[in-house]
Protein backbone atom coordinates (compact mmCIF):
# COMPACT_ATOMS: atom_id res chain seq x y z
CA ARG A 1 38.66 174.83 180.89
CA ALA A 2 35.43 176.14 182.32
CA ALA A 3 34.74 172.61 183.57
CA GLY A 4 38.12 172.43 185.29
CA VAL A 5 39.65 170.11 182.70
CA PRO A 6 43.20 171.03 181.58
CA VAL A 7 43.49 171.80 177.87
CA LEU A 8 46.45 170.34 175.96
CA LEU A 9 47.30 171.68 172.49
CA ASP A 10 49.48 169.54 170.22
CA ALA A 11 51.38 172.00 168.01
CA GLY A 12 51.81 169.47 165.19
CA GLY A 13 49.73 168.63 162.20
CA GLU A 14 49.67 172.02 160.50
CA ARG A 15 52.35 174.19 158.96
CA ARG A 16 50.81 177.36 160.36
CA ASP A 17 51.29 178.69 163.86
CA PRO A 18 48.46 178.38 166.38
CA SER A 19 46.53 181.62 166.83
CA PRO A 20 47.30 183.73 169.92
CA GLU A 21 43.77 183.03 171.16
CA LEU A 22 44.32 179.29 170.91
CA LEU A 23 47.68 179.53 172.69
CA ARG A 24 46.13 181.48 175.55
CA ALA A 25 43.25 178.99 175.83
CA ALA A 26 45.55 175.98 176.26
CA ASP A 27 47.00 175.02 179.63
CA PHE A 28 49.76 173.02 177.94
CA LEU A 29 51.30 173.62 174.51
CA CYS A 30 53.07 170.48 173.26
CA PRO A 31 55.47 171.03 170.36
CA ASN A 32 58.21 168.66 169.36
CA GLU A 33 61.71 170.07 168.88
CA SER A 34 61.30 171.00 165.20
CA GLU A 35 57.89 172.59 165.86
CA LEU A 36 59.38 174.62 168.72
CA HIS A 37 62.11 175.84 166.37
CA ARG A 38 59.51 176.72 163.70
CA LEU A 39 57.32 178.58 166.20
CA THR A 40 60.19 180.61 167.68
CA SER A 41 62.97 180.70 165.02
CA MET A 42 65.31 179.99 167.93
CA PRO A 43 67.92 177.22 168.27
CA THR A 44 66.79 174.06 170.08
CA SER A 45 69.88 171.82 170.03
CA THR A 46 70.54 171.86 173.79
CA GLN A 47 68.29 171.67 176.81
CA SER A 48 69.06 175.29 177.73
CA GLU A 49 68.12 176.39 174.17
CA VAL A 50 64.86 174.42 174.40
CA ILE A 51 64.04 176.10 177.71
CA ALA A 52 64.85 179.55 176.30
CA ALA A 53 62.65 178.93 173.24
CA ALA A 54 59.79 177.66 175.43
CA ARG A 55 60.09 180.75 177.67
CA HIS A 56 59.96 182.88 174.52
CA LEU A 57 56.67 181.19 173.54
CA GLN A 58 55.32 181.96 176.99
CA ARG A 59 56.38 185.62 177.02
CA ALA A 60 55.87 186.62 173.40
CA HIS A 61 52.93 184.43 172.40
CA GLY A 62 50.92 183.85 175.56
CA ALA A 63 51.61 180.13 175.89
CA ARG A 64 51.19 178.78 179.42
CA SER A 65 53.10 175.61 180.29
CA VAL A 66 55.13 174.19 177.40
CA LEU A 67 55.90 170.46 177.12
CA VAL A 68 58.55 169.85 174.45
CA THR A 69 59.09 166.32 173.17
CA LEU A 70 62.68 165.68 172.12
CA SER A 71 62.57 162.18 170.61
CA ALA A 72 65.53 160.15 171.93
CA ARG A 73 66.43 163.02 174.29
CA GLY A 74 63.15 162.69 176.23
CA SER A 75 61.03 165.71 177.05
CA VAL A 76 61.15 169.00 178.92
CA LEU A 77 58.26 170.66 180.76
CA VAL A 78 58.61 174.42 181.18
CA PRO A 79 55.82 175.44 183.56
CA GLU A 80 53.95 178.71 183.49
CA GLY A 81 55.74 181.48 185.37
CA ASP A 82 59.45 182.09 185.77
CA ALA A 83 59.53 180.61 189.26
CA GLY A 84 58.28 177.18 188.19
CA GLU A 85 60.75 174.29 188.20
CA VAL A 86 61.67 173.00 184.75
CA LEU A 87 61.29 169.22 184.61
CA ALA A 88 63.35 167.06 182.25
CA GLN A 89 62.37 163.46 181.55
CA PRO A 90 64.82 161.16 179.76
CA ALA A 91 63.49 158.91 177.02
CA THR A 92 62.76 155.37 178.04
CA ASP A 93 62.63 152.17 176.05
CA PRO A 94 59.21 150.57 175.69
CA PRO A 95 58.67 147.42 177.78
């Protein structure tokens, strides 16, 4: 970050939650749907539930922008700050 390079943290790979220090150091936290549910204990079945759980990560755990991958449902980017526009990207088939 000190060099101006955005830091992306993939939330997968471990069964334990990232430390608060690590969450605050990352510009983007990237959980998949099941990891988001594990990190928040909140439902993630609908887009509005995914957004609410991502906002919870931001408020309660210090995460900045949260990019949630949703498999066949695409992905959702919840930017830092309540005023930021949430972006949803549908899944696409590979060429």
